[in-house]
Amino acid sequence: MNKGNLYVVTAPSGAGKTTLVLALLAAEPQVQLSVSYTTRAPREGEADGRDYHFVSREKFMEMVNHGDFLEHAEVHGNLYGTSQSWITDAISSGRDILLEIDWQGAQQVRKIFPDAIGIFILPPSAAVLEQRLRNRGKDSEEAIRQRLINAREEISHVDEFDYAIVNEHIDLAVRDIVGIVRAERCRLAKQSLRHGELIASLKG
């Protein structure tokens, strides 16, 4: 069976990752977003099971001890994790899955899925990143400063990824991320599995 692709999308807070991911999912309904587990509280408009599986820190650590997570990490004081069994089953059944995780999680994923396709979203400048964080109006001054410090560390890992998208103009960035997904599907190895008989017949 032709296995699905596993996409790992990473970005510093404020780079526009969530907006790009939502646009990709709308343009490519064959791509399914993995719903992570987290210990943070739901934000306004978020629903359990749709945006995240919201669990207590105790429940999360119990899952860690049981080996339930493909990857897990602590980000901004909260724990996040991805179900390993769900990802494995989904990829094996031919579905394309997208993980929206940080660089630490991406490192853990690559150990188990070395063929995972890494996409890093970059802001056009540090000044723009700071302005976007302030415009959100969600964080305190202290939290914004910490996110900017964290962004430098996160961006230092960009070389570990296959693709980098500079999110300056959202329409162009959306085109880029959709283009990556479509191009990966057209790799000869994938197309040979999907259309092996056709290719063989056309070769004569």
Protein backbone atom coordinates (compact mmCIF):
# COMPACT_ATOMS: atom_id res chain seq x y z
CA MET A 1 0.00 0.00 0.00
CA ASN A 2 1.15 3.54 -0.77
CA LYS A 3 1.87 5.19 2.56
CA GLY A 4 0.78 8.73 3.24
CA ASN A 5 3.13 11.65 3.77
CA LEU A 6 3.81 13.05 7.22
CA TYR A 7 4.27 16.83 7.23
CA VAL A 8 5.82 18.57 10.23
CA VAL A 9 5.17 22.33 10.34
CA THR A 10 7.13 24.42 12.85
CA ALA A 11 7.42 28.15 13.50
CA PRO A 12 8.11 30.61 16.29
CA SER A 13 5.03 32.06 17.95
CA GLY A 14 3.65 34.91 15.84
CA ALA A 15 5.06 33.73 12.48
CA GLY A 16 1.59 32.85 11.19
CA LYS A 17 1.83 29.07 11.31
CA THR A 18 -1.78 28.43 12.31
CA THR A 19 -3.14 30.70 9.57
CA LEU A 20 -1.04 28.90 6.95
CA VAL A 21 -2.01 25.46 8.22
CA LEU A 22 -5.71 26.30 8.12
CA ALA A 23 -5.35 27.62 4.56
CA LEU A 24 -3.52 24.46 3.53
CA LEU A 25 -6.20 22.21 5.03
CA ALA A 26 -8.89 24.18 3.19
CA ALA A 27 -7.02 23.89 -0.12
CA GLU A 28 -6.00 20.25 0.35
CA PRO A 29 -8.78 18.32 2.14
CA GLN A 30 -6.78 15.09 1.71
CA VAL A 31 -4.37 16.40 4.35
CA GLN A 32 -5.55 15.73 7.88
CA LEU A 33 -4.37 17.65 10.93
CA SER A 34 -3.20 15.61 13.90
CA VAL A 35 -4.91 16.78 17.08
CA SER A 36 -2.32 17.09 19.85
CA TYR A 37 -2.73 16.62 23.58
CA THR A 38 -1.94 19.62 25.78
CA THR A 39 -2.03 20.67 29.41
CA ARG A 40 -2.75 24.31 28.64
CA ALA A 41 -6.21 25.76 29.14
CA PRO A 42 -8.51 26.14 26.11
CA ARG A 43 -8.53 29.57 24.50
CA GLU A 44 -11.71 31.31 23.48
CA GLY A 45 -13.38 29.43 20.63
CA GLU A 46 -11.30 26.27 21.03
CA ALA A 47 -13.04 22.90 21.45
CA ASP A 48 -11.74 19.72 23.05
CA GLY A 49 -11.04 17.06 20.43
CA ARG A 50 -11.11 19.55 17.57
CA ASP A 51 -8.29 21.96 18.36
CA TYR A 52 -6.55 19.94 21.07
CA HIS A 53 -7.20 17.14 23.51
CA PHE A 54 -7.10 19.14 26.75
CA VAL A 55 -5.84 17.06 29.67
CA SER A 56 -4.40 17.64 33.14
CA ARG A 57 -0.65 17.54 33.73
CA GLU A 58 -1.15 14.35 35.75
CA LYS A 59 -3.00 12.65 32.88
CA PHE A 60 -0.37 13.83 30.41
CA MET A 61 2.49 12.39 32.47
CA GLU A 62 0.59 9.13 32.81
CA MET A 63 0.43 8.95 29.00
CA VAL A 64 4.16 9.71 28.78
CA ASN A 65 4.92 6.86 31.17
CA HIS A 66 2.76 4.51 29.09
CA GLY A 67 4.71 5.42 25.93
CA ASP A 68 1.62 6.82 24.21
CA PHE A 69 3.33 9.77 22.53
CA LEU A 70 5.24 9.92 19.26
CA GLU A 71 6.67 13.18 20.55
CA HIS A 72 6.08 15.47 23.48
CA ALA A 73 7.60 18.70 24.67
CA GLU A 74 7.15 21.57 27.07
CA VAL A 75 6.52 24.91 25.37
CA HIS A 76 5.94 28.18 27.27
CA GLY A 77 5.28 26.18 30.45
CA ASN A 78 2.69 23.85 28.90
CA LEU A 79 3.04 20.23 27.76
CA TYR A 80 2.15 19.10 24.22
CA GLY A 81 2.17 15.59 22.75
CA THR A 82 1.16 13.57 19.67
CA SER A 83 -0.43 10.12 19.77
CA GLN A 84 2.01 7.63 18.22
CA SER A 85 -0.49 4.88 17.45
CA TRP A 86 -2.88 7.26 15.66
CA ILE A 87 -0.11 8.67 13.45
CA THR A 88 1.24 5.22 12.60
CA ASP A 89 -2.19 3.89 11.63
CA ALA A 90 -3.05 6.99 9.60
CA ILE A 91 0.18 6.99 7.59
CA SER A 92 -0.02 3.24 6.99
CA SER A 93 -3.55 3.61 5.60
CA GLY A 94 -2.33 6.10 2.99
CA ARG A 95 -3.54 9.33 4.61
CA ASP A 96 -1.44 12.50 4.53
CA ILE A 97 -1.04 13.83 8.07
CA LEU A 98 0.16 17.22 9.25
CA LEU A 99 1.74 17.87 12.63
CA GLU A 100 1.85 21.45 13.90
CA ILE A 101 4.61 21.13 16.51
CA ASP A 102 7.77 22.82 17.78
CA TRP A 103 11.36 22.00 16.80
CA GLN A 104 11.86 19.69 19.78
CA GLY A 105 8.88 17.60 18.72
CA ALA A 106 10.11 17.62 15.12
CA GLN A 107 13.41 16.10 16.24
CA GLN A 108 11.58 13.31 18.07
CA VAL A 109 9.32 12.63 15.07
CA ARG A 110 12.29 12.28 12.70
CA LYS A 111 13.77 9.53 14.86
CA ILE A 112 10.70 7.35 14.22
CA PHE A 113 9.63 8.74 10.83
CA PRO A 114 12.87 9.77 9.06
CA ASP A 115 10.90 10.47 5.86
CA ALA A 116 8.76 13.12 7.57
CA ILE A 117 8.71 16.33 5.53
CA GLY A 118 9.74 19.33 7.63
CA ILE A 119 8.42 22.82 6.85
CA PHE A 120 9.63 25.81 8.88
CA ILE A 121 7.67 29.09 8.80
CA LEU A 122 9.78 32.24 9.19
CA PRO A 123 8.71 35.86 9.82
CA PRO A 124 10.03 38.46 7.36
CA SER A 125 11.94 40.19 10.19
CA ALA A 126 12.31 40.24 13.97
CA ALA A 127 10.48 43.58 14.07
CA VAL A 128 7.49 42.18 12.19
CA LEU A 129 7.41 39.16 14.49
CA GLU A 130 7.31 41.42 17.56
CA GLN A 131 4.57 43.56 16.03
CA ARG A 132 2.45 40.52 15.25
CA LEU A 133 2.77 39.28 18.82
CA ARG A 134 1.69 42.68 20.14
CA ASN A 135 -1.20 42.97 17.69
CA ARG A 136 -2.66 39.69 18.95
CA GLY A 137 -3.32 41.31 22.30
CA LYS A 138 -3.19 37.94 24.06
CA ASP A 139 0.08 38.15 25.98
CA SER A 140 1.58 40.29 28.72
CA GLU A 141 4.72 42.33 28.08
CA GLU A 142 6.75 39.72 29.94
CA ALA A 143 5.25 36.90 27.85
CA ILE A 144 5.99 38.76 24.61
CA ARG A 145 9.62 39.26 25.62
CA GLN A 146 9.92 35.57 26.45
CA ARG A 147 8.38 34.54 23.14
CA LEU A 148 10.88 36.73 21.26
CA ILE A 149 13.75 35.14 23.18
CA ASN A 150 12.35 31.70 22.42
CA ALA A 151 11.97 32.62 18.73
CA ARG A 152 15.75 33.04 18.35
CA GLU A 153 16.33 29.56 19.75
CA GLU A 154 13.58 28.06 17.60
CA ILE A 155 14.83 29.69 14.38
CA SER A 156 18.35 28.40 15.07
CA HIS A 157 16.99 24.95 14.19
CA VAL A 158 15.68 25.91 10.74
CA ASP A 159 18.54 24.00 9.05
CA GLU A 160 17.02 20.74 10.31
CA PHE A 161 13.99 21.19 8.02
CA ASP A 162 13.43 20.41 4.34
CA TYR A 163 11.61 23.61 3.44
CA ALA A 164 11.51 27.19 4.72
CA ILE A 165 8.69 29.63 3.96
CA VAL A 166 9.04 33.35 4.69
CA ASN A 167 5.55 34.48 5.66
CA GLU A 168 5.62 38.11 4.58
CA HIS A 169 2.57 38.11 2.31
CA ILE A 170 0.02 35.54 3.41
CA ASP A 171 -1.31 34.75 -0.09
CA LEU A 172 2.19 33.95 -1.36
CA ALA A 173 3.03 31.91 1.73
CA VAL A 174 -0.17 29.88 1.30
CA ARG A 175 0.79 29.23 -2.31
CA ASP A 176 4.19 28.02 -1.13
CA ILE A 177 2.93 25.56 1.47
CA VAL A 178 0.25 24.16 -0.85
CA GLY A 179 2.90 23.83 -3.56
CA ILE A 180 5.14 21.82 -1.25
CA VAL A 181 2.37 19.32 -0.49
CA ARG A 182 1.45 18.92 -4.16
CA ALA A 183 5.08 18.56 -5.24
CA GLU A 184 5.75 15.87 -2.62
CA ARG A 185 2.80 13.87 -3.97
CA CYS A 186 4.32 14.02 -7.46
CA ARG A 187 7.64 12.49 -6.48
CA LEU A 188 8.37 9.59 -8.82
CA ALA A 189 8.53 7.07 -5.97
CA LYS A 190 5.00 8.04 -4.88
CA GLN A 191 3.60 8.14 -8.41
CA SER A 192 5.13 4.75 -9.23
CA LEU A 193 3.16 3.24 -6.36
CA ARG A 194 -0.07 5.01 -7.30
CA HIS A 195 0.19 4.64 -11.06
CA GLY A 196 2.67 1.81 -11.56
CA GLU A 197 0.60 0.01 -14.21
CA LEU A 198 -0.01 3.24 -16.16
CA ILE A 199 3.68 4.18 -16.14
CA ALA A 200 4.67 0.66 -17.22
CA SER A 201 2.16 0.67 -20.07
CA LEU A 202 3.25 4.10 -21.27
CA LYS A 203 6.87 2.97 -21.29
CA GLY A 204 5.77 0.25 -23.70
